[in-house]
Protein backbone atom coordinates (compact mmCIF):
# COMPACT_ATOMS: atom_id res chain seq x y z
CA MET A 1 -16.45 -30.89 14.48
CA ARG A 2 -17.14 -33.69 11.95
CA ALA A 3 -14.40 -32.42 9.66
CA ARG A 4 -11.88 -32.47 12.50
CA ALA A 5 -12.91 -35.99 13.46
CA VAL A 6 -12.36 -37.20 9.90
CA ALA A 7 -9.03 -35.35 9.74
CA GLY A 8 -7.99 -37.07 12.96
CA LEU A 9 -8.82 -40.49 11.52
CA ARG A 10 -6.85 -39.66 8.39
CA VAL A 11 -3.79 -38.52 10.37
CA LEU A 12 -3.93 -41.70 12.44
CA ASP A 13 -4.28 -43.74 9.23
CA ALA A 14 -7.48 -45.17 10.67
CA ALA A 15 -9.89 -43.99 7.96
CA ASP A 16 -12.14 -46.78 6.72
CA ALA A 17 -13.22 -45.70 3.24
CA ARG A 18 -16.47 -47.69 3.24
CA ARG A 19 -17.56 -46.30 6.60
CA LEU A 20 -16.68 -42.71 5.68
CA LEU A 21 -18.41 -42.85 2.29
CA PRO A 22 -21.82 -41.58 3.53
CA LEU A 23 -20.09 -38.43 4.77
CA LEU A 24 -19.37 -37.45 1.16
CA ASP A 25 -23.01 -36.28 1.14
CA ASP A 26 -22.54 -34.17 4.26
CA PRO A 27 -23.93 -30.63 3.92
CA ALA A 28 -20.69 -29.09 5.26
CA PRO A 29 -18.08 -28.55 2.51
CA ALA A 30 -15.23 -28.96 5.05
CA VAL A 31 -16.45 -32.45 5.92
CA VAL A 32 -16.69 -33.41 2.25
CA ARG A 33 -13.12 -32.16 1.66
CA GLU A 34 -11.74 -34.09 4.64
CA VAL A 35 -13.54 -37.27 3.66
CA THR A 36 -12.23 -36.94 0.12
CA ALA A 37 -8.67 -36.57 1.39
CA ALA A 38 -9.14 -39.54 3.73
CA VAL A 39 -10.54 -41.93 1.13
CA LEU A 40 -8.47 -40.82 -1.87
CA PRO A 41 -5.81 -43.52 -1.31
CA SER A 42 -8.62 -46.12 -1.39
CA ALA A 43 -10.49 -44.64 -4.37
CA GLU A 44 -10.41 -47.94 -6.27
CA LEU A 45 -12.45 -49.58 -3.48
CA LEU A 46 -15.34 -47.12 -3.76
CA PRO A 47 -18.44 -47.98 -5.80
CA GLU A 48 -18.11 -46.36 -9.22
CA GLU A 49 -21.84 -45.98 -9.90
CA TRP A 50 -22.40 -44.33 -6.52
CA LEU A 51 -19.67 -41.80 -7.29
CA VAL A 52 -20.95 -41.15 -10.83
CA GLU A 53 -24.39 -40.33 -9.36
CA ARG A 54 -22.73 -37.62 -7.30
CA LEU A 55 -21.52 -35.83 -10.43
CA GLY A 56 -25.09 -34.81 -11.26
CA ALA A 57 -25.86 -31.11 -11.56
CA GLY A 58 -28.42 -31.37 -8.73
CA ARG A 59 -25.76 -32.25 -6.17
CA PRO A 60 -23.91 -29.67 -4.07
CA ARG A 61 -20.71 -28.44 -5.71
CA PRO A 62 -18.35 -29.85 -3.02
CA VAL A 63 -19.90 -33.31 -3.48
CA ARG A 64 -19.48 -33.08 -7.25
CA ILE A 65 -15.85 -32.03 -6.91
CA ALA A 66 -15.19 -34.89 -4.49
CA ALA A 67 -16.77 -37.43 -6.84
CA PHE A 68 -14.72 -36.08 -9.74
CA ARG A 69 -11.47 -36.30 -7.75
CA LEU A 70 -12.20 -39.84 -6.59
CA LEU A 71 -13.24 -41.08 -10.03
CA THR A 72 -10.22 -39.57 -11.75
CA GLU A 73 -7.98 -41.04 -9.03
CA ARG A 74 -9.41 -44.46 -9.90
CA GLY A 75 -8.45 -43.84 -13.51
CA GLY A 76 -9.45 -46.17 -16.32
CA THR A 77 -13.10 -46.26 -17.31
CA ALA A 78 -14.16 -44.57 -14.07
CA GLY A 79 -11.97 -41.57 -14.79
CA ARG A 80 -13.15 -41.38 -18.39
CA ARG A 81 -16.78 -41.51 -17.26
CA ALA A 82 -16.22 -38.58 -14.92
CA LEU A 83 -14.64 -36.57 -17.71
CA THR A 84 -17.46 -37.42 -20.10
CA VAL A 85 -20.18 -36.47 -17.62
CA LEU A 86 -18.55 -33.12 -16.85
CA ARG A 87 -17.66 -32.22 -20.44
CA ASN A 88 -20.94 -30.28 -20.87
CA ASP A 89 -21.52 -29.37 -17.25
CA PRO A 90 -23.33 -26.11 -16.47
CA ASP A 91 -20.68 -25.29 -13.80
CA ASP A 92 -17.93 -23.56 -15.75
CA ALA A 93 -15.23 -24.29 -13.15
CA LEU A 94 -15.99 -28.02 -13.09
CA ARG A 95 -16.13 -28.15 -16.88
CA GLN A 96 -12.72 -26.47 -17.07
CA ARG A 97 -11.31 -28.81 -14.42
CA ALA A 98 -12.45 -31.78 -16.50
CA ALA A 99 -10.96 -30.25 -19.65
CA ARG A 100 -7.60 -29.77 -17.90
CA ALA A 101 -7.67 -33.37 -16.70
CA VAL A 102 -8.19 -34.58 -20.27
CA ARG A 103 -5.06 -32.74 -21.38
CA ARG A 104 -2.88 -34.47 -18.78
């Protein structure tokens, strides 16, 4: 239900990135994916340190993927930080995703 609500806000172009940000920590992967899609156009407005914290190995995988996507969307130092953090990540898929992003 939460994922559909976020998707509805995104479709209506009524997604407020700052208000949706806490939902990036939602336990449901579908919610995290929808929030990521909704806030991606506003990635530069999101707090970099908060996103970098969500790259940590102790976080759920969907949260880590979302943080990576948002940080790389921001580009610049934020994107480089995400790539650096994930370079030696224990999650092989995330490590490979970061390696592919470096090559682009």
